């Protein structure tokens, strides 16, 4: 198993972004998911002592209670959000009937995540789009609590979490202050998830009705992936490969054949390439980075969205 993925489960027949984990039949409840994901442990804070037994003031060690694994050193202001709290938060937000499709631990427990499918489904421009909610947390002090909307185009599993100016797609908070109040604030923000999906639907409808010529498509892809003036021959070839990959998907991807030559088709070609194409240089962490972009938004998809808006 990858050094980055410690424990996890996934529901369904198709392995998710990392291609690893324990497969289960159907999505799970929060109690089941907590156990199958290997997240049924807690974080405790203990003082840090020097070799001579002197306590280091202002800092504590976050330790996993199941095996005394040190997850990280944090300031005394750090407030823990337990794994169980994360599932309870999502249950409260989405309702007790929510089902979890994947959850797990990265980097030996330092980072954890869960992915829950919202009960609603949307049909936009003839496409079925399913909204998901992703919750991630870092127990080592390296990152904030993050919650994000991630709409998925079902037929091809492309992410469509566009950076809309009219609706919020994510929320985050540091591990300081009153965590319970912050999580309540998150609920107020994410209760507007339906608003994000409504606004996304309006944007998709607009893009689906905006036709573009082959020449404009080529111009947008070139602007999306520019060749630096000081690029080496290898760098230039790599950029051209990326451009060709998007163009190929735009014209020939089976799941886009029902769409006309419009900006929605182009956005999906970019998303398809960003979500599914292998990197030119595959690193040990590229799948983990891909998942991170699922939460934070993919900069290439967001840039493509801004470019197509300029020609609208």
C-alpha atoms as a PDB file:
ATOM      1  CA  UNK A   1       0.000   0.000   0.000  1.00  0.00           C
ATOM      2  CA  UNK A   2       1.169   3.543  -0.711  1.00  0.00           C
ATOM      3  CA  UNK A   3       3.127   5.215   2.075  1.00  0.00           C
ATOM      4  CA  UNK A   4       0.692   8.131   1.864  1.00  0.00           C
ATOM      5  CA  UNK A   5      -2.502   6.109   2.333  1.00  0.00           C
ATOM      6  CA  UNK A   6      -2.531   4.426   5.736  1.00  0.00           C
ATOM      7  CA  UNK A   7      -6.101   3.081   6.033  1.00  0.00           C
ATOM      8  CA  UNK A   8      -9.260   3.623   4.023  1.00  0.00           C
ATOM      9  CA  UNK A   9     -12.363   2.062   2.498  1.00  0.00           C
ATOM     10  CA  UNK A  10     -14.253   2.775  -0.688  1.00  0.00           C
ATOM     11  CA  UNK A  11     -17.763   1.822  -1.739  1.00  0.00           C
ATOM     12  CA  UNK A  12     -18.664   0.534  -5.183  1.00  0.00           C
ATOM     13  CA  UNK A  13     -16.909  -1.442  -7.882  1.00  0.00           C
ATOM     14  CA  UNK A  14     -14.600   1.265  -9.187  1.00  0.00           C
ATOM     15  CA  UNK A  15     -11.525   2.166  -7.166  1.00  0.00           C
ATOM     16  CA  UNK A  16     -11.269   5.897  -6.381  1.00  0.00           C
ATOM     17  CA  UNK A  17      -8.490   8.418  -7.074  1.00  0.00           C
ATOM     18  CA  UNK A  18      -5.754   6.536  -5.184  1.00  0.00           C
ATOM     19  CA  UNK A  19      -6.691   3.046  -6.431  1.00  0.00           C
ATOM     20  CA  UNK A  20      -6.190   1.584  -2.955  1.00  0.00           C
ATOM     21  CA  UNK A  21      -8.171   0.488   0.077  1.00  0.00           C
ATOM     22  CA  UNK A  22     -10.734  -1.987   1.363  1.00  0.00           C
ATOM     23  CA  UNK A  23     -13.774  -2.358  -0.890  1.00  0.00           C
ATOM     24  CA  UNK A  24     -17.200  -2.516   0.726  1.00  0.00           C
ATOM     25  CA  UNK A  25     -20.660  -3.226  -0.627  1.00  0.00           C
ATOM     26  CA  UNK A  26     -22.572   0.044  -0.860  1.00  0.00           C
ATOM     27  CA  UNK A  27     -22.067   3.314   0.985  1.00  0.00           C
ATOM     28  CA  UNK A  28     -21.814   3.149   4.789  1.00  0.00           C
ATOM     29  CA  UNK A  29     -23.352   4.911   7.762  1.00  0.00           C
ATOM     30  CA  UNK A  30     -21.080   7.079   9.912  1.00  0.00           C
ATOM     31  CA  UNK A  31     -20.586   4.376  12.572  1.00  0.00           C
ATOM     32  CA  UNK A  32     -19.724   1.764   9.945  1.00  0.00           C
ATOM     33  CA  UNK A  33     -17.496   4.172   8.016  1.00  0.00           C
ATOM     34  CA  UNK A  34     -15.526   5.164  11.114  1.00  0.00           C
ATOM     35  CA  UNK A  35     -14.582   1.524  11.716  1.00  0.00           C
ATOM     36  CA  UNK A  36     -14.013   0.411   8.116  1.00  0.00           C
ATOM     37  CA  UNK A  37     -11.866   3.462   7.411  1.00  0.00           C
ATOM     38  CA  UNK A  38      -9.667   2.639  10.409  1.00  0.00           C
ATOM     39  CA  UNK A  39     -10.486   5.991  12.009  1.00  0.00           C
ATOM     40  CA  UNK A  40     -11.958   4.688  15.274  1.00  0.00           C
ATOM     41  CA  UNK A  41      -9.199   6.243  17.375  1.00  0.00           C
ATOM     42  CA  UNK A  42      -8.809   9.519  19.230  1.00  0.00           C
ATOM     43  CA  UNK A  43      -6.116  12.171  19.524  1.00  0.00           C
ATOM     44  CA  UNK A  44      -4.828  13.083  22.980  1.00  0.00           C
ATOM     45  CA  UNK A  45      -2.485  15.917  23.904  1.00  0.00           C
ATOM     46  CA  UNK A  46       0.503  15.350  26.137  1.00  0.00           C
ATOM     47  CA  UNK A  47       3.221  17.698  27.395  1.00  0.00           C
ATOM     48  CA  UNK A  48       6.624  17.755  25.722  1.00  0.00           C
ATOM     49  CA  UNK A  49       9.643  17.173  27.967  1.00  0.00           C
ATOM     50  CA  UNK A  50      13.338  17.758  27.354  1.00  0.00           C
ATOM     51  CA  UNK A  51      15.902  15.003  27.979  1.00  0.00           C
ATOM     52  CA  UNK A  52      16.336  16.380  31.472  1.00  0.00           C
ATOM     53  CA  UNK A  53      12.607  16.255  32.230  1.00  0.00           C
ATOM     54  CA  UNK A  54      11.864  19.967  31.826  1.00  0.00           C
ATOM     55  CA  UNK A  55       8.478  20.689  30.249  1.00  0.00           C
ATOM     56  CA  UNK A  56       8.513  22.731  27.043  1.00  0.00           C
ATOM     57  CA  UNK A  57       6.053  25.554  27.624  1.00  0.00           C
ATOM     58  CA  UNK A  58       3.560  26.582  24.939  1.00  0.00           C
ATOM     59  CA  UNK A  59       3.672  23.319  22.977  1.00  0.00           C
ATOM     60  CA  UNK A  60       2.035  19.904  23.165  1.00  0.00           C
ATOM     61  CA  UNK A  61       2.272  16.631  21.277  1.00  0.00           C
ATOM     62  CA  UNK A  62      -0.779  15.290  19.454  1.00  0.00           C
ATOM     63  CA  UNK A  63      -0.738  11.518  20.006  1.00  0.00           C
ATOM     64  CA  UNK A  64      -2.956   8.752  18.628  1.00  0.00           C
ATOM     65  CA  UNK A  65      -4.377   6.800  21.571  1.00  0.00           C
ATOM     66  CA  UNK A  66      -4.515   3.452  19.741  1.00  0.00           C
ATOM     67  CA  UNK A  67      -0.734   3.077  19.318  1.00  0.00           C
ATOM     68  CA  UNK A  68       0.885   6.170  20.926  1.00  0.00           C
ATOM     69  CA  UNK A  69       1.902   7.414  17.467  1.00  0.00           C
ATOM     70  CA  UNK A  70       3.082  11.052  17.606  1.00  0.00           C
ATOM     71  CA  UNK A  71       1.083  12.831  14.914  1.00  0.00           C
ATOM     72  CA  UNK A  72       2.591  16.274  15.398  1.00  0.00           C
ATOM     73  CA  UNK A  73       3.778  19.014  17.719  1.00  0.00           C
ATOM     74  CA  UNK A  74       1.300  21.891  18.082  1.00  0.00           C
ATOM     75  CA  UNK A  75       0.971  25.068  20.098  1.00  0.00           C
ATOM     76  CA  UNK A  76      -0.982  25.070  23.330  1.00  0.00           C
ATOM     77  CA  UNK A  77      -3.713  27.057  21.513  1.00  0.00           C
ATOM     78  CA  UNK A  78      -4.432  24.113  19.176  1.00  0.00           C
ATOM     79  CA  UNK A  79      -7.895  22.557  19.591  1.00  0.00           C
ATOM     80  CA  UNK A  80      -8.498  18.947  18.579  1.00  0.00           C
ATOM     81  CA  UNK A  81     -11.296  17.901  16.233  1.00  0.00           C
ATOM     82  CA  UNK A  82     -11.669  14.153  16.714  1.00  0.00           C
ATOM     83  CA  UNK A  83     -12.453  11.819  13.809  1.00  0.00           C
ATOM     84  CA  UNK A  84     -15.791  10.969  15.400  1.00  0.00           C
ATOM     85  CA  UNK A  85     -16.574  14.705  15.608  1.00  0.00           C
ATOM     86  CA  UNK A  86     -16.008  15.010  11.857  1.00  0.00           C
ATOM     87  CA  UNK A  87     -18.549  12.261  11.126  1.00  0.00           C
ATOM     88  CA  UNK A  88     -21.006  13.724  13.642  1.00  0.00           C
ATOM     89  CA  UNK A  89     -20.626  17.133  11.993  1.00  0.00           C
ATOM     90  CA  UNK A  90     -21.454  15.684   8.573  1.00  0.00           C
ATOM     91  CA  UNK A  91     -24.343  13.656   9.981  1.00  0.00           C
ATOM     92  CA  UNK A  92     -25.796  16.795  11.562  1.00  0.00           C
ATOM     93  CA  UNK A  93     -25.276  18.821   8.426  1.00  0.00           C
ATOM     94  CA  UNK A  94     -26.699  16.363   5.916  1.00  0.00           C
ATOM     95  CA  UNK A  95     -29.075  14.319   8.073  1.00  0.00           C
ATOM     96  CA  UNK A  96     -28.744  10.983   9.784  1.00  0.00           C
ATOM     97  CA  UNK A  97     -29.426   9.131   6.547  1.00  0.00           C
ATOM     98  CA  UNK A  98     -26.228  10.363   4.899  1.00  0.00           C
ATOM     99  CA  UNK A  99     -24.018   7.608   3.461  1.00  0.00           C
ATOM    100  CA  UNK A 100     -20.232   7.705   3.174  1.00  0.00           C
ATOM    101  CA  UNK A 101     -18.549   6.513  -0.004  1.00  0.00           C
ATOM    102  CA  UNK A 102     -14.923   6.748   1.103  1.00  0.00           C
ATOM    103  CA  UNK A 103     -12.920   7.799   4.137  1.00  0.00           C
ATOM    104  CA  UNK A 104      -9.450   7.202   5.418  1.00  0.00           C
ATOM    105  CA  UNK A 105      -6.128   8.236   6.845  1.00  0.00           C
ATOM    106  CA  UNK A 106      -3.077   9.677   5.101  1.00  0.00           C
ATOM    107  CA  UNK A 107       0.513  10.055   6.264  1.00  0.00           C
ATOM    108  CA  UNK A 108       0.245   7.662   9.213  1.00  0.00           C
ATOM    109  CA  UNK A 109      -2.817   9.400  10.653  1.00  0.00           C
ATOM    110  CA  UNK A 110      -1.610  12.965  10.308  1.00  0.00           C
ATOM    111  CA  UNK A 111      -4.377  13.758   7.825  1.00  0.00           C
ATOM    112  CA  UNK A 112      -7.860  12.230   7.576  1.00  0.00           C
ATOM    113  CA  UNK A 113     -10.748  12.679   5.166  1.00  0.00           C
ATOM    114  CA  UNK A 114     -14.287  11.572   4.490  1.00  0.00           C
ATOM    115  CA  UNK A 115     -16.448  11.874   1.389  1.00  0.00           C
ATOM    116  CA  UNK A 116     -20.253  11.897   1.712  1.00  0.00           C
ATOM    117  CA  UNK A 117     -22.746  11.850  -1.124  1.00  0.00           C
ATOM    118  CA  UNK A 118     -25.592  14.337  -0.750  1.00  0.00           C
ATOM    119  CA  UNK A 119     -29.068  12.836  -1.228  1.00  0.00           C
ATOM    120  CA  UNK A 120     -30.069  15.211  -4.037  1.00  0.00           C
ATOM    121  CA  UNK A 121     -29.204  14.699  -7.716  1.00  0.00           C
ATOM    122  CA  UNK A 122     -29.340  17.317 -10.441  1.00  0.00           C
ATOM    123  CA  UNK A 123     -30.008  17.055 -14.147  1.00  0.00           C
ATOM    124  CA  UNK A 124     -28.301  19.964 -15.919  1.00  0.00           C
ATOM    125  CA  UNK A 125     -27.962  20.269 -19.702  1.00  0.00           C
ATOM    126  CA  UNK A 126     -28.920  16.615 -19.973  1.00  0.00           C
ATOM    127  CA  UNK A 127     -26.177  15.551 -17.533  1.00  0.00           C
ATOM    128  CA  UNK A 128     -26.696  13.920 -14.154  1.00  0.00           C
ATOM    129  CA  UNK A 129     -24.590  15.736 -11.559  1.00  0.00           C
ATOM    130  CA  UNK A 130     -24.200  14.393  -8.026  1.00  0.00           C
ATOM    131  CA  UNK A 131     -23.067  16.743  -5.242  1.00  0.00           C
ATOM    132  CA  UNK A 132     -20.598  15.435  -2.660  1.00  0.00           C
ATOM    133  CA  UNK A 133     -19.268  16.923   0.552  1.00  0.00           C
ATOM    134  CA  UNK A 134     -15.608  16.428   1.481  1.00  0.00           C
ATOM    135  CA  UNK A 135     -14.329  16.917   5.046  1.00  0.00           C
ATOM    136  CA  UNK A 136     -10.565  16.941   5.687  1.00  0.00           C
ATOM    137  CA  UNK A 137      -8.626  17.479   8.894  1.00  0.00           C
ATOM    138  CA  UNK A 138      -4.956  17.597   9.875  1.00  0.00           C
ATOM    139  CA  UNK A 139      -3.930  16.249  13.277  1.00  0.00           C
ATOM    140  CA  UNK A 140      -0.307  17.393  12.953  1.00  0.00           C
ATOM    141  CA  UNK A 141      -0.937  21.147  12.958  1.00  0.00           C
ATOM    142  CA  UNK A 142      -0.065  21.513   9.269  1.00  0.00           C
ATOM    143  CA  UNK A 143      -3.490  22.493   7.987  1.00  0.00           C
ATOM    144  CA  UNK A 144      -6.964  23.743   8.731  1.00  0.00           C
ATOM    145  CA  UNK A 145     -10.281  21.951   8.996  1.00  0.00           C
ATOM    146  CA  UNK A 146     -11.744  22.084   5.478  1.00  0.00           C
ATOM    147  CA  UNK A 147     -15.196  21.302   4.134  1.00  0.00           C
ATOM    148  CA  UNK A 148     -15.995  21.602   0.435  1.00  0.00           C
ATOM    149  CA  UNK A 149     -18.726  20.984  -2.119  1.00  0.00           C
ATOM    150  CA  UNK A 150     -17.585  18.725  -4.965  1.00  0.00           C
ATOM    151  CA  UNK A 151     -20.137  18.218  -7.756  1.00  0.00           C
ATOM    152  CA  UNK A 152     -19.315  15.198  -9.928  1.00  0.00           C
ATOM    153  CA  UNK A 153     -20.564  14.662 -13.489  1.00  0.00           C
ATOM    154  CA  UNK A 154     -21.732  11.074 -13.059  1.00  0.00           C
ATOM    155  CA  UNK A 155     -21.164   9.716 -16.575  1.00  0.00           C
ATOM    156  CA  UNK A 156     -17.413  10.395 -16.497  1.00  0.00           C
ATOM    157  CA  UNK A 157     -16.651  11.214 -12.834  1.00  0.00           C
ATOM    158  CA  UNK A 158     -15.348  14.678 -13.799  1.00  0.00           C
ATOM    159  CA  UNK A 159     -15.261  17.269 -11.026  1.00  0.00           C
ATOM    160  CA  UNK A 160     -17.190  20.489 -11.665  1.00  0.00           C
ATOM    161  CA  UNK A 161     -16.453  22.458  -8.488  1.00  0.00           C
ATOM    162  CA  UNK A 162     -16.065  25.758 -10.329  1.00  0.00           C
ATOM    163  CA  UNK A 163     -15.027  28.908  -8.469  1.00  0.00           C
ATOM    164  CA  UNK A 164     -18.283  30.824  -8.788  1.00  0.00           C
ATOM    165  CA  UNK A 165     -18.372  34.471  -7.762  1.00  0.00           C
ATOM    166  CA  UNK A 166     -22.016  34.101  -6.769  1.00  0.00           C
ATOM    167  CA  UNK A 167     -21.859  31.148  -4.345  1.00  0.00           C
ATOM    168  CA  UNK A 168     -19.471  29.591  -1.794  1.00  0.00           C
ATOM    169  CA  UNK A 169     -18.041  26.152  -2.490  1.00  0.00           C
ATOM    170  CA  UNK A 170     -15.813  25.625   0.588  1.00  0.00           C
ATOM    171  CA  UNK A 171     -15.181  26.574   4.213  1.00  0.00           C
ATOM    172  CA  UNK A 172     -12.089  26.311   6.396  1.00  0.00           C
ATOM    173  CA  UNK A 173     -10.997  27.171   9.934  1.00  0.00           C
ATOM    174  CA  UNK A 174      -7.826  26.929  11.989  1.00  0.00           C
ATOM    175  CA  UNK A 175      -7.577  24.711  15.073  1.00  0.00           C
ATOM    176  CA  UNK A 176      -7.741  27.613  17.510  1.00  0.00           C
ATOM    177  CA  UNK A 177     -10.450  29.377  19.502  1.00  0.00           C
ATOM    178  CA  UNK A 178     -13.892  27.878  19.994  1.00  0.00           C
ATOM    179  CA  UNK A 179     -13.993  24.955  17.563  1.00  0.00           C
ATOM    180  CA  UNK A 180     -17.667  24.230  18.261  1.00  0.00           C
ATOM    181  CA  UNK A 181     -18.649  27.761  17.271  1.00  0.00           C
ATOM    182  CA  UNK A 182     -16.567  27.478  14.112  1.00  0.00           C
ATOM    183  CA  UNK A 183     -18.252  24.230  13.152  1.00  0.00           C
ATOM    184  CA  UNK A 184     -21.646  25.830  13.725  1.00  0.00           C
ATOM    185  CA  UNK A 185     -20.551  28.626  11.393  1.00  0.00           C
ATOM    186  CA  UNK A 186     -19.571  25.991   8.840  1.00  0.00           C
ATOM    187  CA  UNK A 187     -23.047  24.494   9.021  1.00  0.00           C
ATOM    188  CA  UNK A 188     -24.618  27.880   8.314  1.00  0.00           C
ATOM    189  CA  UNK A 189     -22.338  28.303   5.298  1.00  0.00           C
ATOM    190  CA  UNK A 190     -22.812  24.826   3.916  1.00  0.00           C
ATOM    191  CA  UNK A 191     -26.565  24.781   4.435  1.00  0.00           C
ATOM    192  CA  UNK A 192     -26.371  26.955   1.339  1.00  0.00           C
ATOM    193  CA  UNK A 193     -24.983  24.021  -0.648  1.00  0.00           C
ATOM    194  CA  UNK A 194     -28.203  23.966  -2.625  1.00  0.00           C
ATOM    195  CA  UNK A 195     -27.575  27.596  -3.537  1.00  0.00           C
ATOM    196  CA  UNK A 196     -24.160  26.647  -4.942  1.00  0.00           C
ATOM    197  CA  UNK A 197     -25.707  23.869  -7.030  1.00  0.00           C
ATOM    198  CA  UNK A 198     -28.413  26.225  -8.297  1.00  0.00           C
ATOM    199  CA  UNK A 199     -25.822  28.814  -9.332  1.00  0.00           C
ATOM    200  CA  UNK A 200     -23.668  26.105 -10.904  1.00  0.00           C
ATOM    201  CA  UNK A 201     -26.698  24.955 -12.885  1.00  0.00           C
ATOM    202  CA  UNK A 202     -27.226  28.482 -14.186  1.00  0.00           C
ATOM    203  CA  UNK A 203     -23.595  28.697 -15.300  1.00  0.00           C
ATOM    204  CA  UNK A 204     -23.742  25.304 -17.010  1.00  0.00           C
ATOM    205  CA  UNK A 205     -26.953  26.290 -18.791  1.00  0.00           C
ATOM    206  CA  UNK A 206     -25.280  29.479 -20.010  1.00  0.00           C
ATOM    207  CA  UNK A 207     -22.143  27.639 -21.187  1.00  0.00           C
ATOM    208  CA  UNK A 208     -24.223  24.963 -22.876  1.00  0.00           C
ATOM    209  CA  UNK A 209     -25.876  27.666 -24.988  1.00  0.00           C
ATOM    210  CA  UNK A 210     -22.649  29.448 -25.900  1.00  0.00           C
ATOM    211  CA  UNK A 211     -21.286  28.007 -29.152  1.00  0.00           C
ATOM    212  CA  UNK A 212     -17.600  28.386 -29.982  1.00  0.00           C
ATOM    213  CA  UNK A 213     -15.655  27.891 -33.183  1.00  0.00           C
ATOM    214  CA  UNK A 214     -12.745  25.481 -33.490  1.00  0.00           C
ATOM    215  CA  UNK A 215     -10.447  28.481 -33.752  1.00  0.00           C
ATOM    216  CA  UNK A 216     -11.672  29.921 -30.430  1.00  0.00           C
ATOM    217  CA  UNK A 217     -11.276  26.539 -28.735  1.00  0.00           C
ATOM    218  CA  UNK A 218      -7.669  26.398 -29.917  1.00  0.00           C
ATOM    219  CA  UNK A 219      -7.040  29.949 -28.696  1.00  0.00           C
ATOM    220  CA  UNK A 220      -8.497  29.247 -25.254  1.00  0.00           C
ATOM    221  CA  UNK A 221      -6.445  26.057 -24.824  1.00  0.00           C
ATOM    222  CA  UNK A 222      -3.281  27.919 -25.873  1.00  0.00           C
ATOM    223  CA  UNK A 223      -3.991  30.670 -23.358  1.00  0.00           C
ATOM    224  CA  UNK A 224      -4.825  28.097 -20.713  1.00  0.00           C
ATOM    225  CA  UNK A 225      -1.455  26.386 -21.221  1.00  0.00           C
ATOM    226  CA  UNK A 226       1.005  29.026 -22.437  1.00  0.00           C
ATOM    227  CA  UNK A 227       4.572  28.182 -23.432  1.00  0.00           C
ATOM    228  CA  UNK A 228       7.055  30.252 -21.378  1.00  0.00           C
ATOM    229  CA  UNK A 229       9.408  32.406 -23.429  1.00  0.00           C
ATOM    230  CA  UNK A 230      12.410  30.668 -21.829  1.00  0.00           C
ATOM    231  CA  UNK A 231      10.991  27.140 -22.153  1.00  0.00           C
ATOM    232  CA  UNK A 232      13.352  24.336 -23.106  1.00  0.00           C
ATOM    233  CA  UNK A 233      12.527  22.019 -26.001  1.00  0.00           C
ATOM    234  CA  UNK A 234      11.338  19.395 -23.513  1.00  0.00           C
ATOM    235  CA  UNK A 235       9.112  21.874 -21.673  1.00  0.00           C
ATOM    236  CA  UNK A 236       7.599  23.048 -24.960  1.00  0.00           C
ATOM    237  CA  UNK A 237       6.879  19.461 -26.032  1.00  0.00           C
ATOM    238  CA  UNK A 238       5.248  18.745 -22.670  1.00  0.00           C
ATOM    239  CA  UNK A 239       2.957  21.772 -22.945  1.00  0.00           C
ATOM    240  CA  UNK A 240       1.987  20.741 -26.475  1.00  0.00           C
ATOM    241  CA  UNK A 241       1.163  17.242 -25.207  1.00  0.00           C
ATOM    242  CA  UNK A 242      -1.123  18.724 -22.559  1.00  0.00           C
ATOM    243  CA  UNK A 243      -2.817  20.952 -25.129  1.00  0.00           C
ATOM    244  CA  UNK A 244      -3.304  18.010 -27.504  1.00  0.00           C
ATOM    245  CA  UNK A 245      -4.797  15.924 -24.684  1.00  0.00           C
ATOM    246  CA  UNK A 246      -7.491  18.546 -23.984  1.00  0.00           C
ATOM    247  CA  UNK A 247      -8.237  19.036 -27.690  1.00  0.00           C
ATOM    248  CA  UNK A 248      -8.518  15.275 -28.211  1.00  0.00           C
ATOM    249  CA  UNK A 249     -10.956  14.958 -25.329  1.00  0.00           C
ATOM    250  CA  UNK A 250     -12.977  17.948 -26.555  1.00  0.00           C
ATOM    251  CA  UNK A 251     -13.559  16.366 -29.974  1.00  0.00           C
ATOM    252  CA  UNK A 252     -13.513  12.639 -29.263  1.00  0.00           C
ATOM    253  CA  UNK A 253     -14.381  11.837 -25.622  1.00  0.00           C
ATOM    254  CA  UNK A 254     -17.391   9.472 -25.799  1.00  0.00           C
ATOM    255  CA  UNK A 255     -19.236  11.184 -22.936  1.00  0.00           C
ATOM    256  CA  UNK A 256     -19.091  14.562 -24.734  1.00  0.00           C
ATOM    257  CA  UNK A 257     -20.492  13.451 -28.074  1.00  0.00           C
ATOM    258  CA  UNK A 258     -24.056  14.469 -27.158  1.00  0.00           C
ATOM    259  CA  UNK A 259     -22.935  18.058 -26.525  1.00  0.00           C
ATOM    260  CA  UNK A 260     -22.631  20.682 -29.191  1.00  0.00           C
ATOM    261  CA  UNK A 261     -19.414  22.625 -29.708  1.00  0.00           C
ATOM    262  CA  UNK A 262     -19.909  24.964 -26.788  1.00  0.00           C
ATOM    263  CA  UNK A 263     -18.008  26.213 -23.761  1.00  0.00           C
ATOM    264  CA  UNK A 264     -19.582  23.608 -21.455  1.00  0.00           C
ATOM    265  CA  UNK A 265     -18.084  20.896 -23.657  1.00  0.00           C
ATOM    266  CA  UNK A 266     -14.707  22.631 -23.424  1.00  0.00           C
ATOM    267  CA  UNK A 267     -14.866  22.937 -19.621  1.00  0.00           C
ATOM    268  CA  UNK A 268     -15.597  19.207 -19.421  1.00  0.00           C
ATOM    269  CA  UNK A 269     -12.675  18.421 -21.716  1.00  0.00           C
ATOM    270  CA  UNK A 270     -10.392  20.419 -19.410  1.00  0.00           C
ATOM    271  CA  UNK A 271     -11.879  18.760 -16.313  1.00  0.00           C
ATOM    272  CA  UNK A 272     -11.546  15.327 -17.926  1.00  0.00           C
ATOM    273  CA  UNK A 273      -7.873  15.979 -18.634  1.00  0.00           C
ATOM    274  CA  UNK A 274      -7.174  17.504 -15.210  1.00  0.00           C
ATOM    275  CA  UNK A 275      -9.042  14.737 -13.369  1.00  0.00           C
ATOM    276  CA  UNK A 276      -8.054  11.625 -15.283  1.00  0.00           C
ATOM    277  CA  UNK A 277      -4.905  12.086 -17.372  1.00  0.00           C
ATOM    278  CA  UNK A 278      -1.666  10.844 -15.861  1.00  0.00           C
ATOM    279  CA  UNK A 279       0.976  13.503 -15.200  1.00  0.00           C
ATOM    280  CA  UNK A 280       3.956  13.750 -17.524  1.00  0.00           C
ATOM    281  CA  UNK A 281       6.123  12.908 -14.533  1.00  0.00           C
ATOM    282  CA  UNK A 282       4.398  10.659 -12.013  1.00  0.00           C
ATOM    283  CA  UNK A 283       5.438  11.225  -8.398  1.00  0.00           C
ATOM    284  CA  UNK A 284       4.593   9.240  -5.271  1.00  0.00           C
ATOM    285  CA  UNK A 285       2.168  11.936  -4.132  1.00  0.00           C
ATOM    286  CA  UNK A 286       0.430  12.910  -7.366  1.00  0.00           C
ATOM    287  CA  UNK A 287      -2.800  11.063  -6.521  1.00  0.00           C
ATOM    288  CA  UNK A 288      -2.875  12.677  -3.092  1.00  0.00           C
ATOM    289  CA  UNK A 289      -2.326  16.087  -4.730  1.00  0.00           C
ATOM    290  CA  UNK A 290      -5.150  15.344  -7.165  1.00  0.00           C
ATOM    291  CA  UNK A 291      -7.440  14.646  -4.227  1.00  0.00           C
ATOM    292  CA  UNK A 292      -6.359  17.912  -2.584  1.00  0.00           C
ATOM    293  CA  UNK A 293      -7.390  19.766  -5.738  1.00  0.00           C
ATOM    294  CA  UNK A 294     -10.777  18.062  -5.499  1.00  0.00           C
ATOM    295  CA  UNK A 295     -11.221  19.892  -2.208  1.00  0.00           C
ATOM    296  CA  UNK A 296      -9.549  23.210  -2.897  1.00  0.00           C
ATOM    297  CA  UNK A 297     -10.567  23.485  -6.522  1.00  0.00           C
ATOM    298  CA  UNK A 298      -8.416  22.675  -9.522  1.00  0.00           C
ATOM    299  CA  UNK A 299      -6.564  25.781 -10.716  1.00  0.00           C
ATOM    300  CA  UNK A 300      -6.553  24.647 -14.350  1.00  0.00           C
ATOM    301  CA  UNK A 301     -10.332  24.102 -14.376  1.00  0.00           C
ATOM    302  CA  UNK A 302     -10.889  27.438 -12.637  1.00  0.00           C
ATOM    303  CA  UNK A 303      -8.640  29.225 -15.150  1.00  0.00           C
ATOM    304  CA  UNK A 304     -10.479  27.589 -18.065  1.00  0.00           C
ATOM    305  CA  UNK A 305     -13.785  28.724 -16.570  1.00  0.00           C
ATOM    306  CA  UNK A 306     -12.542  32.327 -16.363  1.00  0.00           C
ATOM    307  CA  UNK A 307     -11.319  32.163 -19.981  1.00  0.00           C
ATOM    308  CA  UNK A 308     -14.618  30.875 -21.359  1.00  0.00           C
ATOM    309  CA  UNK A 309     -16.459  33.579 -19.405  1.00  0.00           C
ATOM    310  CA  UNK A 310     -14.370  36.188 -21.209  1.00  0.00           C
ATOM    311  CA  UNK A 311     -15.585  34.986 -24.604  1.00  0.00           C
ATOM    312  CA  UNK A 312     -19.190  34.641 -23.446  1.00  0.00           C
END
